[in-house]
C-alpha atoms as a PDB file:
ATOM      1  CA  MET A   1      -5.932  13.922  21.766  1.00  0.00           C
ATOM      2  CA  VAL A   2      -2.738  15.215  20.410  1.00  0.00           C
ATOM      3  CA  ASN A   3      -1.831  14.088  16.550  1.00  0.00           C
ATOM      4  CA  GLU A   4       1.954  13.098  16.762  1.00  0.00           C
ATOM      5  CA  GLN A   5       3.729  14.144  13.266  1.00  0.00           C
ATOM      6  CA  GLU A   6       6.393  11.632  11.374  1.00  0.00           C
ATOM      7  CA  LYS A   7       8.558  11.979   8.679  1.00  0.00           C
ATOM      8  CA  VAL A   8       9.363   9.578   6.415  1.00  0.00           C
ATOM      9  CA  LYS A   9      11.474   8.665   3.640  1.00  0.00           C
ATOM     10  CA  ILE A  10       9.871   7.284   0.735  1.00  0.00           C
ATOM     11  CA  TYR A  11      11.817   5.990  -2.677  1.00  0.00           C
ATOM     12  CA  ILE A  12       9.841   6.158  -5.494  1.00  0.00           C
ATOM     13  CA  ARG A  13      10.952   3.102  -7.959  1.00  0.00           C
ATOM     14  CA  GLU A  14       9.741   5.106 -11.055  1.00  0.00           C
ATOM     15  CA  ASP A  15      11.802   8.096 -13.135  1.00  0.00           C
ATOM     16  CA  MET A  16       9.399  10.683 -12.552  1.00  0.00           C
ATOM     17  CA  ASP A  17       9.343  14.267 -14.577  1.00  0.00           C
ATOM     18  CA  VAL A  18       8.397  17.435 -12.576  1.00  0.00           C
ATOM     19  CA  SER A  19       4.597  17.123 -13.642  1.00  0.00           C
ATOM     20  CA  GLN A  20       4.024  13.291 -12.507  1.00  0.00           C
ATOM     21  CA  ARG A  21       6.097  14.611  -9.195  1.00  0.00           C
ATOM     22  CA  THR A  22       4.311  18.025  -8.850  1.00  0.00           C
ATOM     23  CA  TRP A  23       0.925  15.505  -9.412  1.00  0.00           C
ATOM     24  CA  LEU A  24       1.920  13.108  -6.620  1.00  0.00           C
ATOM     25  CA  VAL A  25       2.788  15.742  -4.096  1.00  0.00           C
ATOM     26  CA  ALA A  26      -0.623  17.082  -4.614  1.00  0.00           C
ATOM     27  CA  LYS A  27      -2.494  14.438  -3.999  1.00  0.00           C
ATOM     28  CA  LEU A  28      -0.745  13.282  -1.245  1.00  0.00           C
ATOM     29  CA  GLU A  29      -1.071  16.729   0.545  1.00  0.00           C
ATOM     30  CA  GLN A  30      -4.981  16.353  -0.347  1.00  0.00           C
ATOM     31  CA  GLU A  31      -5.381  13.172   1.535  1.00  0.00           C
ATOM     32  CA  SER A  32      -6.479  13.691   5.696  1.00  0.00           C
ATOM     33  CA  GLY A  33      -3.460  13.527   7.993  1.00  0.00           C
ATOM     34  CA  VAL A  34      -0.356  14.493   5.296  1.00  0.00           C
ATOM     35  CA  VAL A  35       1.169  17.963   6.413  1.00  0.00           C
ATOM     36  CA  GLY A  36       2.812  18.214   3.535  1.00  0.00           C
ATOM     37  CA  ALA A  37       5.355  16.494   0.948  1.00  0.00           C
ATOM     38  CA  TRP A  38       7.962  16.660  -1.322  1.00  0.00           C
ATOM     39  CA  PHE A  39      10.989  15.501  -3.334  1.00  0.00           C
ATOM     40  CA  GLU A  40      14.621  16.202  -2.328  1.00  0.00           C
ATOM     41  CA  GLY A  41      16.722  18.627  -4.234  1.00  0.00           C
ATOM     42  CA  ASP A  42      17.104  17.331  -7.605  1.00  0.00           C
ATOM     43  CA  ASP A  43      16.781  13.395  -6.310  1.00  0.00           C
ATOM     44  CA  HIS A  44      14.091  12.421  -8.518  1.00  0.00           C
ATOM     45  CA  HIS A  45      13.566   9.026  -6.363  1.00  0.00           C
ATOM     46  CA  CYS A  46      13.451  10.648  -2.754  1.00  0.00           C
ATOM     47  CA  LEU A  47       9.937  11.814  -1.396  1.00  0.00           C
ATOM     48  CA  THR A  48       9.542  12.920   2.161  1.00  0.00           C
ATOM     49  CA  VAL A  49       6.233  13.025   3.468  1.00  0.00           C
ATOM     50  CA  ASP A  50       5.259  14.560   6.951  1.00  0.00           C
ATOM     51  CA  TYR A  51       2.209  13.067   8.442  1.00  0.00           C
ATOM     52  CA  GLU A  52       0.254  12.460  11.266  1.00  0.00           C
ATOM     53  CA  ARG A  53       0.139   8.842  12.931  1.00  0.00           C
ATOM     54  CA  ASN A  54      -3.352   8.872  14.110  1.00  0.00           C
ATOM     55  CA  TYR A  55      -4.031   8.896  10.191  1.00  0.00           C
ATOM     56  CA  PHE A  56      -1.530   7.059   8.872  1.00  0.00           C
ATOM     57  CA  SER A  57       1.433   4.316   9.186  1.00  0.00           C
ATOM     58  CA  HIS A  58       4.428   3.786   6.636  1.00  0.00           C
ATOM     59  CA  ALA A  59       2.230   1.204   5.245  1.00  0.00           C
ATOM     60  CA  THR A  60      -0.552   3.026   4.451  1.00  0.00           C
ATOM     61  CA  LEU A  61       1.675   5.855   3.418  1.00  0.00           C
ATOM     62  CA  LEU A  62       2.959   3.286   0.650  1.00  0.00           C
ATOM     63  CA  ASP A  63      -0.900   2.082  -0.379  1.00  0.00           C
ATOM     64  CA  THR A  64      -2.017   5.191  -0.976  1.00  0.00           C
ATOM     65  CA  ILE A  65       1.497   6.178  -3.463  1.00  0.00           C
ATOM     66  CA  LYS A  66       0.592   2.549  -5.048  1.00  0.00           C
ATOM     67  CA  LEU A  67      -3.210   3.927  -5.864  1.00  0.00           C
ATOM     68  CA  ASN A  68      -1.871   6.925  -7.819  1.00  0.00           C
ATOM     69  CA  GLY A  69       0.314   4.714 -10.002  1.00  0.00           C
ATOM     70  CA  PHE A  70       3.843   4.862  -8.073  1.00  0.00           C
ATOM     71  CA  HIS A  71       5.931   2.118  -6.391  1.00  0.00           C
ATOM     72  CA  GLY A  72       8.545   2.964  -3.619  1.00  0.00           C
ATOM     73  CA  GLU A  73       9.469   1.623  -0.258  1.00  0.00           C
ATOM     74  CA  VAL A  74      10.452   3.317   3.276  1.00  0.00           C
ATOM     75  CA  VAL A  75      14.161   4.114   3.008  1.00  0.00           C
ATOM     76  CA  GLY A  76      14.241   6.177   6.564  1.00  0.00           C
ATOM     77  CA  ALA A  77      12.308   7.423   9.000  1.00  0.00           C
END
């Protein structure tokens, strides 16, 4: 079975400082199926997640972010 990768952009509602963004990215990248996560340039709200569809959907990514104390919404795939 081939793991299909997908990228999604998520708008994080909270204002996050550098340490919070770094922490959230590290937490997401520890999840099985997350290939990478990063914030776009200087935009502290725009999180991009590259993931394998066999492990996650947009909804489960949002749930994972919420479990880590933040709230987001999908703004683009």
